[in-house]
C-alpha atoms as a PDB file:
ATOM      1  CA  MET A   1      11.020 -20.719  29.108  1.00  0.00           C
ATOM      2  CA  GLY A   2       7.658 -19.220  27.998  1.00  0.00           C
ATOM      3  CA  ASP A   3       8.935 -15.859  27.111  1.00  0.00           C
ATOM      4  CA  MET A   4      12.355 -17.306  25.404  1.00  0.00           C
ATOM      5  CA  VAL A   5      13.581 -14.886  22.503  1.00  0.00           C
ATOM      6  CA  ILE A   6      13.567 -16.387  18.813  1.00  0.00           C
ATOM      7  CA  ASP A   7      17.134 -15.241  17.441  1.00  0.00           C
ATOM      8  CA  ASP A   8      15.848 -13.092  14.122  1.00  0.00           C
ATOM      9  CA  ALA A   9      18.172 -15.172  11.860  1.00  0.00           C
ATOM     10  CA  ILE A  10      16.107 -17.856  13.267  1.00  0.00           C
ATOM     11  CA  LEU A  11      12.782 -16.773  12.660  1.00  0.00           C
ATOM     12  CA  GLN A  12      13.554 -15.947   9.500  1.00  0.00           C
ATOM     13  CA  ALA A  13      14.966 -18.869   8.613  1.00  0.00           C
ATOM     14  CA  ALA A  14      11.992 -20.851  10.041  1.00  0.00           C
ATOM     15  CA  LYS A  15       9.649 -18.697   7.797  1.00  0.00           C
ATOM     16  CA  GLU A  16      11.072 -19.898   4.841  1.00  0.00           C
ATOM     17  CA  LEU A  17      11.001 -23.804   5.554  1.00  0.00           C
ATOM     18  CA  VAL A  18       7.243 -22.741   6.419  1.00  0.00           C
ATOM     19  CA  ASP A  19       6.621 -21.337   3.242  1.00  0.00           C
ATOM     20  CA  ILE A  20       8.303 -24.300   1.458  1.00  0.00           C
ATOM     21  CA  ASN A  21       6.418 -26.836   3.820  1.00  0.00           C
ATOM     22  CA  PRO A  22       3.479 -25.242   6.260  1.00  0.00           C
ATOM     23  CA  LYS A  23       2.832 -28.831   7.766  1.00  0.00           C
ATOM     24  CA  ILE A  24       6.771 -29.113   8.707  1.00  0.00           C
ATOM     25  CA  GLY A  25       7.023 -30.956  12.242  1.00  0.00           C
ATOM     26  CA  ARG A  26       9.591 -29.707  15.007  1.00  0.00           C
ATOM     27  CA  VAL A  27      11.569 -32.563  14.632  1.00  0.00           C
ATOM     28  CA  GLU A  28      12.455 -31.842  10.704  1.00  0.00           C
ATOM     29  CA  ALA A  29      12.656 -27.942  11.253  1.00  0.00           C
ATOM     30  CA  ALA A  30      15.562 -28.456  14.746  1.00  0.00           C
ATOM     31  CA  LYS A  31      17.366 -30.423  12.135  1.00  0.00           C
ATOM     32  CA  ALA A  32      16.881 -27.807   9.214  1.00  0.00           C
ATOM     33  CA  LEU A  33      17.781 -24.717  11.971  1.00  0.00           C
ATOM     34  CA  GLY A  34      20.365 -26.384  13.809  1.00  0.00           C
ATOM     35  CA  VAL A  35      18.881 -25.717  17.368  1.00  0.00           C
ATOM     36  CA  THR A  36      16.485 -27.925  20.006  1.00  0.00           C
ATOM     37  CA  ASP A  37      13.550 -29.135  19.045  1.00  0.00           C
ATOM     38  CA  TYR A  38      11.852 -27.059  21.934  1.00  0.00           C
ATOM     39  CA  LYS A  39      13.217 -24.239  20.174  1.00  0.00           C
ATOM     40  CA  ALA A  40      12.431 -25.421  17.027  1.00  0.00           C
ATOM     41  CA  ARG A  41       8.751 -25.352  17.939  1.00  0.00           C
ATOM     42  CA  ARG A  42       8.757 -21.579  19.435  1.00  0.00           C
ATOM     43  CA  ALA A  43      10.226 -20.768  15.543  1.00  0.00           C
ATOM     44  CA  ILE A  44       7.918 -22.735  13.651  1.00  0.00           C
ATOM     45  CA  GLU A  45       4.717 -21.371  15.926  1.00  0.00           C
ATOM     46  CA  ALA A  46       6.246 -17.420  15.977  1.00  0.00           C
ATOM     47  CA  ALA A  47       6.615 -18.166  11.953  1.00  0.00           C
ATOM     48  CA  ARG A  48       2.941 -19.301  11.513  1.00  0.00           C
ATOM     49  CA  THR A  49       1.732 -16.201  13.561  1.00  0.00           C
ATOM     50  CA  GLU A  50      -0.566 -14.236  10.994  1.00  0.00           C
ATOM     51  CA  PRO A  51      -0.912 -10.621  12.394  1.00  0.00           C
ATOM     52  CA  ILE A  52      -4.138  -9.671  14.064  1.00  0.00           C
ATOM     53  CA  GLY A  53      -5.834  -6.348  14.192  1.00  0.00           C
ATOM     54  CA  PRO A  54      -7.670  -3.924  11.651  1.00  0.00           C
ATOM     55  CA  ARG A  55      -5.953  -4.229   8.322  1.00  0.00           C
ATOM     56  CA  ILE A  56      -5.353  -0.419   6.742  1.00  0.00           C
ATOM     57  CA  ALA A  57      -4.797   0.048   3.087  1.00  0.00           C
ATOM     58  CA  TYR A  58      -2.414   2.343   2.189  1.00  0.00           C
ATOM     59  CA  PHE A  59      -2.648   3.441  -1.330  1.00  0.00           C
ATOM     60  CA  ASP A  60      -2.052   5.503  -4.594  1.00  0.00           C
ATOM     61  CA  LEU A  61      -2.790   5.528  -8.049  1.00  0.00           C
ATOM     62  CA  GLU A  62      -0.829   6.856 -11.400  1.00  0.00           C
ATOM     63  CA  THR A  63      -2.793   7.939 -13.927  1.00  0.00           C
ATOM     64  CA  THR A  64      -2.775   9.265 -17.749  1.00  0.00           C
ATOM     65  CA  ASP A  65      -4.965  11.913 -16.904  1.00  0.00           C
ATOM     66  CA  LEU A  66      -6.595  14.014 -13.876  1.00  0.00           C
ATOM     67  CA  ILE A  67      -9.790  13.487 -16.001  1.00  0.00           C
ATOM     68  CA  ALA A  68     -11.591  10.223 -14.962  1.00  0.00           C
ATOM     69  CA  ASP A  69     -13.638   9.797 -18.100  1.00  0.00           C
ATOM     70  CA  PHE A  70     -10.246  10.527 -20.329  1.00  0.00           C
ATOM     71  CA  GLY A  71      -7.486   8.975 -18.637  1.00  0.00           C
ATOM     72  CA  ILE A  72      -7.122   5.168 -17.568  1.00  0.00           C
ATOM     73  CA  ILE A  73      -5.604   3.569 -14.352  1.00  0.00           C
ATOM     74  CA  LEU A  74      -1.974   2.878 -14.912  1.00  0.00           C
ATOM     75  CA  ILE A  75      -0.378   1.922 -11.341  1.00  0.00           C
ATOM     76  CA  GLY A  76      -2.333   1.251  -8.819  1.00  0.00           C
ATOM     77  CA  SER A  77       0.068   0.593  -5.309  1.00  0.00           C
ATOM     78  CA  ILE A  78      -1.444  -1.011  -1.795  1.00  0.00           C
ATOM     79  CA  LEU A  79       0.746  -1.021   1.044  1.00  0.00           C
ATOM     80  CA  SER A  80      -0.934  -3.082   3.734  1.00  0.00           C
ATOM     81  CA  TYR A  81      -0.764  -3.066   7.440  1.00  0.00           C
ATOM     82  CA  PRO A  82       0.451  -5.021   9.997  1.00  0.00           C
ATOM     83  CA  SER A  83       1.859  -7.259   7.347  1.00  0.00           C
ATOM     84  CA  MET A  84       3.677  -4.330   5.653  1.00  0.00           C
ATOM     85  CA  GLU A  85       2.937  -6.086   2.039  1.00  0.00           C
ATOM     86  CA  MET A  86       3.017  -3.871  -0.974  1.00  0.00           C
ATOM     87  CA  THR A  87       1.027  -5.196  -3.496  1.00  0.00           C
ATOM     88  CA  THR A  88       1.460  -3.040  -7.046  1.00  0.00           C
ATOM     89  CA  TYR A  89      -0.608  -3.451  -9.915  1.00  0.00           C
ATOM     90  CA  ARG A  90       0.320  -2.186 -13.498  1.00  0.00           C
ATOM     91  CA  ILE A  91      -1.093  -1.820 -17.024  1.00  0.00           C
ATOM     92  CA  ASP A  92       1.142  -3.695 -18.990  1.00  0.00           C
ATOM     93  CA  GLN A  93       0.980  -6.898 -16.866  1.00  0.00           C
ATOM     94  CA  THR A  94      -3.065  -6.717 -16.244  1.00  0.00           C
ATOM     95  CA  ASP A  95      -4.827  -5.758 -19.413  1.00  0.00           C
ATOM     96  CA  THR A  96      -4.361  -5.285 -23.416  1.00  0.00           C
ATOM     97  CA  LEU A  97      -4.528  -1.858 -25.671  1.00  0.00           C
ATOM     98  CA  LYS A  98      -8.496  -3.302 -26.032  1.00  0.00           C
ATOM     99  CA  SER A  99      -8.995  -3.758 -22.580  1.00  0.00           C
ATOM    100  CA  GLU A 100      -7.840  -0.470 -21.160  1.00  0.00           C
ATOM    101  CA  ASP A 101      -7.791  -0.553 -17.497  1.00  0.00           C
ATOM    102  CA  TYR A 102     -10.548  -2.924 -17.117  1.00  0.00           C
ATOM    103  CA  ASN A 103      -9.015  -5.534 -15.301  1.00  0.00           C
ATOM    104  CA  ILE A 104      -6.281  -3.369 -13.097  1.00  0.00           C
ATOM    105  CA  SER A 105      -9.476  -0.887 -12.192  1.00  0.00           C
ATOM    106  CA  LYS A 106     -11.389  -4.004 -10.543  1.00  0.00           C
ATOM    107  CA  LEU A 107      -7.871  -5.454  -9.135  1.00  0.00           C
ATOM    108  CA  ILE A 108      -7.082  -2.151  -6.945  1.00  0.00           C
ATOM    109  CA  ARG A 109     -10.686  -2.187  -5.915  1.00  0.00           C
ATOM    110  CA  ASP A 110     -10.576  -6.083  -4.446  1.00  0.00           C
ATOM    111  CA  LYS A 111      -7.459  -5.426  -2.638  1.00  0.00           C
ATOM    112  CA  LEU A 112      -8.494  -2.413  -1.339  1.00  0.00           C
ATOM    113  CA  GLU A 113     -11.412  -4.185  -0.013  1.00  0.00           C
ATOM    114  CA  GLU A 114      -9.728  -6.833   1.627  1.00  0.00           C
ATOM    115  CA  HIS A 115      -8.708  -4.063   4.115  1.00  0.00           C
ATOM    116  CA  HIS A 116     -10.988  -2.339   7.420  1.00  0.00           C
ATOM    117  CA  ILE A 117      -9.444   1.115   6.821  1.00  0.00           C
ATOM    118  CA  THR A 118      -7.964   2.841   3.558  1.00  0.00           C
ATOM    119  CA  CYS A 119      -5.842   5.754   3.775  1.00  0.00           C
ATOM    120  CA  GLY A 120      -4.527   8.125   0.656  1.00  0.00           C
ATOM    121  CA  TYR A 121      -3.043  11.242   0.363  1.00  0.00           C
ATOM    122  CA  TYR A 122      -5.438  13.242  -1.427  1.00  0.00           C
ATOM    123  CA  SER A 123      -7.756  10.333  -2.061  1.00  0.00           C
ATOM    124  CA  LYS A 124     -10.938  12.420  -1.170  1.00  0.00           C
ATOM    125  CA  GLY A 125      -9.761  14.771  -4.254  1.00  0.00           C
ATOM    126  CA  PHE A 126      -8.716  12.698  -6.682  1.00  0.00           C
ATOM    127  CA  ASP A 127      -7.982   8.539  -5.837  1.00  0.00           C
ATOM    128  CA  ILE A 128     -10.842   7.417  -4.991  1.00  0.00           C
ATOM    129  CA  ALA A 129     -13.284   9.392  -7.379  1.00  0.00           C
ATOM    130  CA  PHE A 130     -11.311   8.450 -10.563  1.00  0.00           C
ATOM    131  CA  LEU A 131     -10.837   5.058  -9.522  1.00  0.00           C
ATOM    132  CA  ASN A 132     -14.789   4.426  -9.034  1.00  0.00           C
ATOM    133  CA  THR A 133     -15.368   6.540 -12.387  1.00  0.00           C
ATOM    134  CA  ARG A 134     -13.060   3.940 -13.731  1.00  0.00           C
ATOM    135  CA  LEU A 135     -15.106   1.097 -12.317  1.00  0.00           C
ATOM    136  CA  VAL A 136     -18.226   2.197 -13.085  1.00  0.00           C
ATOM    137  CA  GLN A 137     -17.272   2.798 -17.353  1.00  0.00           C
ATOM    138  CA  ASN A 138     -15.865  -0.674 -16.947  1.00  0.00           C
ATOM    139  CA  GLY A 139     -19.099  -1.869 -16.243  1.00  0.00           C
ATOM    140  CA  HIS A 140     -18.053  -2.936 -12.387  1.00  0.00           C
ATOM    141  CA  ARG A 141     -19.078  -2.073  -9.350  1.00  0.00           C
ATOM    142  CA  LYS A 142     -17.642   0.585  -7.481  1.00  0.00           C
ATOM    143  CA  LEU A 143     -15.559   0.395  -4.300  1.00  0.00           C
ATOM    144  CA  LYS A 144     -17.461  -0.722  -1.283  1.00  0.00           C
ATOM    145  CA  ARG A 145     -17.793   2.106   1.287  1.00  0.00           C
ATOM    146  CA  HIS A 146     -14.831   2.105   3.906  1.00  0.00           C
ATOM    147  CA  LEU A 147     -13.622   3.530   7.136  1.00  0.00           C
ATOM    148  CA  HIS A 148     -11.249   6.265   5.373  1.00  0.00           C
ATOM    149  CA  PHE A 149      -9.023   8.790   6.541  1.00  0.00           C
ATOM    150  CA  ASP A 150      -7.168  11.541   4.050  1.00  0.00           C
ATOM    151  CA  PRO A 151      -3.876  13.337   5.740  1.00  0.00           C
ATOM    152  CA  ILE A 152      -3.555  15.757   3.401  1.00  0.00           C
ATOM    153  CA  TRP A 153      -6.664  17.981   5.308  1.00  0.00           C
ATOM    154  CA  TYR A 154      -4.678  18.160   8.468  1.00  0.00           C
ATOM    155  CA  TYR A 155      -2.257  20.411   6.898  1.00  0.00           C
ATOM    156  CA  ARG A 156      -4.452  23.039   5.886  1.00  0.00           C
ATOM    157  CA  GLY A 157      -4.492  25.045   9.205  1.00  0.00           C
ATOM    158  CA  TRP A 158      -8.079  24.762   9.773  1.00  0.00           C
ATOM    159  CA  ARG A 159      -7.940  21.045  11.114  1.00  0.00           C
ATOM    160  CA  GLY A 160      -4.405  20.572  12.429  1.00  0.00           C
ATOM    161  CA  LEU A 161      -1.128  22.442  11.307  1.00  0.00           C
ATOM    162  CA  LYS A 162      -0.332  25.071   8.426  1.00  0.00           C
ATOM    163  CA  PRO A 163       2.999  24.262   6.969  1.00  0.00           C
ATOM    164  CA  ARG A 164       3.401  26.580   3.592  1.00  0.00           C
ATOM    165  CA  SER A 165       1.812  23.995   1.607  1.00  0.00           C
ATOM    166  CA  SER A 166      -0.205  20.702   2.344  1.00  0.00           C
ATOM    167  CA  LYS A 167       1.110  18.944  -1.120  1.00  0.00           C
ATOM    168  CA  MET A 168       2.746  15.868   0.187  1.00  0.00           C
ATOM    169  CA  SER A 169       6.477  16.993  -0.765  1.00  0.00           C
ATOM    170  CA  VAL A 170       6.074  19.668   1.241  1.00  0.00           C
ATOM    171  CA  VAL A 171       4.648  17.675   4.150  1.00  0.00           C
ATOM    172  CA  ALA A 172       7.203  14.821   3.810  1.00  0.00           C
ATOM    173  CA  GLU A 173      10.047  17.570   4.289  1.00  0.00           C
ATOM    174  CA  TYR A 174       8.367  19.314   7.282  1.00  0.00           C
ATOM    175  CA  TYR A 175       8.537  16.266   8.902  1.00  0.00           C
ATOM    176  CA  GLY A 176      11.920  15.486   8.122  1.00  0.00           C
ATOM    177  CA  PHE A 177      11.596  12.432   5.970  1.00  0.00           C
ATOM    178  CA  GLU A 178      14.355  11.126   4.231  1.00  0.00           C
ATOM    179  CA  GLU A 179      12.017   9.704   1.523  1.00  0.00           C
ATOM    180  CA  ARG A 180      10.973  12.664  -0.850  1.00  0.00           C
ATOM    181  CA  LYS A 181       8.512  12.704  -3.455  1.00  0.00           C
ATOM    182  CA  GLN A 182       9.753  11.427  -6.389  1.00  0.00           C
ATOM    183  CA  LYS A 183       9.680  13.849  -9.390  1.00  0.00           C
ATOM    184  CA  VAL A 184       8.995  12.256 -13.088  1.00  0.00           C
ATOM    185  CA  ASP A 185      10.004  13.971 -16.331  1.00  0.00           C
ATOM    186  CA  ILE A 186       6.831  14.427 -18.713  1.00  0.00           C
ATOM    187  CA  SER A 187       8.334  12.327 -21.126  1.00  0.00           C
ATOM    188  CA  VAL A 188       8.013   9.726 -18.892  1.00  0.00           C
ATOM    189  CA  TRP A 189       4.534   9.815 -18.212  1.00  0.00           C
ATOM    190  CA  ARG A 190       3.902  10.467 -22.062  1.00  0.00           C
ATOM    191  CA  ARG A 191       6.314   6.858 -22.321  1.00  0.00           C
ATOM    192  CA  ALA A 192       3.945   5.429 -19.818  1.00  0.00           C
ATOM    193  CA  SER A 193       0.689   6.390 -21.558  1.00  0.00           C
ATOM    194  CA  ARG A 194       1.751   4.370 -24.567  1.00  0.00           C
ATOM    195  CA  GLY A 195       3.078   1.327 -22.699  1.00  0.00           C
ATOM    196  CA  ASP A 196       6.906   1.995 -22.514  1.00  0.00           C
ATOM    197  CA  SER A 197       7.832  -0.476 -19.864  1.00  0.00           C
ATOM    198  CA  ALA A 198      10.704   1.213 -18.464  1.00  0.00           C
ATOM    199  CA  ALA A 199       8.638   4.186 -17.764  1.00  0.00           C
ATOM    200  CA  LEU A 200       5.874   2.160 -16.057  1.00  0.00           C
ATOM    201  CA  ASP A 201       9.041   1.018 -14.013  1.00  0.00           C
ATOM    202  CA  GLU A 202       9.563   4.783 -13.130  1.00  0.00           C
ATOM    203  CA  LEU A 203       5.825   5.134 -12.279  1.00  0.00           C
ATOM    204  CA  VAL A 204       6.017   1.634 -10.125  1.00  0.00           C
ATOM    205  CA  GLU A 205       8.688   3.282  -8.192  1.00  0.00           C
ATOM    206  CA  ARG A 206       7.259   6.925  -7.561  1.00  0.00           C
ATOM    207  CA  CYS A 207       4.058   5.040  -7.050  1.00  0.00           C
ATOM    208  CA  GLU A 208       5.283   2.820  -4.246  1.00  0.00           C
ATOM    209  CA  SER A 209       7.070   5.968  -3.017  1.00  0.00           C
ATOM    210  CA  ASP A 210       4.491   8.010  -2.559  1.00  0.00           C
ATOM    211  CA  VAL A 211       2.275   5.175  -0.909  1.00  0.00           C
ATOM    212  CA  ARG A 212       5.195   4.654   1.935  1.00  0.00           C
ATOM    213  CA  ILE A 213       5.291   8.689   2.519  1.00  0.00           C
ATOM    214  CA  THR A 214       1.110   8.465   3.235  1.00  0.00           C
ATOM    215  CA  ALA A 215       1.973   5.900   6.120  1.00  0.00           C
ATOM    216  CA  ARG A 216       4.811   7.936   7.351  1.00  0.00           C
ATOM    217  CA  ILE A 217       2.326  11.064   7.274  1.00  0.00           C
ATOM    218  CA  ALA A 218      -0.544   9.522   8.535  1.00  0.00           C
ATOM    219  CA  GLU A 219       1.535   7.607  11.507  1.00  0.00           C
ATOM    220  CA  ARG A 220       2.472  11.523  12.646  1.00  0.00           C
ATOM    221  CA  THR A 221      -0.562  12.763  12.054  1.00  0.00           C
ATOM    222  CA  PHE A 222      -1.996   9.976  14.316  1.00  0.00           C
ATOM    223  CA  GLU A 223       0.974  10.980  16.776  1.00  0.00           C
ATOM    224  CA  ASN A 224       0.106  14.606  16.929  1.00  0.00           C
ATOM    225  CA  ASP A 225      -3.499  14.048  17.804  1.00  0.00           C
ATOM    226  CA  LEU A 226      -4.562  15.530  14.557  1.00  0.00           C
ATOM    227  CA  ILE A 227      -7.548  13.298  14.194  1.00  0.00           C
ATOM    228  CA  ALA A 228     -10.652  13.681  15.757  1.00  0.00           C
ATOM    229  CA  ASN A 229     -12.452  10.861  13.944  1.00  0.00           C
ATOM    230  CA  ILE A 230     -12.604   8.164  11.059  1.00  0.00           C
ATOM    231  CA  GLN A 231     -15.744   8.083   9.267  1.00  0.00           C
ATOM    232  CA  LYS A 232     -16.898   5.497   6.172  1.00  0.00           C
ATOM    233  CA  TYR A 233     -16.226   7.256   2.511  1.00  0.00           C
ATOM    234  CA  PRO A 234     -17.243   7.521   0.114  1.00  0.00           C
END
C-alpha cells in the first residue's frame, strides 16, 4: 500500500486543490477527486511535496547593446531546477523610461540568488559582467559569488569537444536538439529598445528558448563527463 502510484490526472487535480486550499483535508479532497480517503490523502501529500536538492538557475539576458555602460537590460529569464519553473522579467513591466533597468536588474539578481548554482551560456563572457555592471551603475550591490558553470568552454576543443563552433546554435545542432536558437530580425531589436510590446514579446520567446537550450546543453555536458569541477564565480 505504501508504494501506491498516484495517477497523473489525480495528482494534477490534487495540486490544483492544494493551490486553492493549502489546508484541505482528506475527506474534502476525496469528495472533490472522486477517490477513496486513503488515495486522497496520498495524492494531497504528493501535491504538497516540494522538490529537494540543490537549486540550479539556468539564465539568459537580452540587452540593447553588448557594452554594459551604454546598453540596458530588456529581458531576463531564469529556469529553476528541479521545479522547472520559468521566471521572466521584462523591462516594460518592471521599469519606466526614466528608471531604465533599475528595477529589472535587481529582480534578476535576487532571483538568481535564490539558487545554489547558476548556469548561463557564455555567461562568463557576457551575462554576469553585464548584469553586475548595470547593478552597480544603478546603485545596487552586484551579484553574490555563486557556484557557476558556463557550458560554452567545453565546446572549444581544449576542454572537451570541438564542433565547428562553440556557439549555442551550432552545439544545439550538433546534439540534434529539436529546439534551436531563434533568429531575430534587427528591426525587432530596434523596436524593443523603444519599448514596443510586440517586439519585447518576441524577445521573451527567444530568451526563454535560449534558457531551455542552455539547460539541455548543460545536461549533455555532464552526461559526456566534460566537467571536472564547478567553482564560485565571479
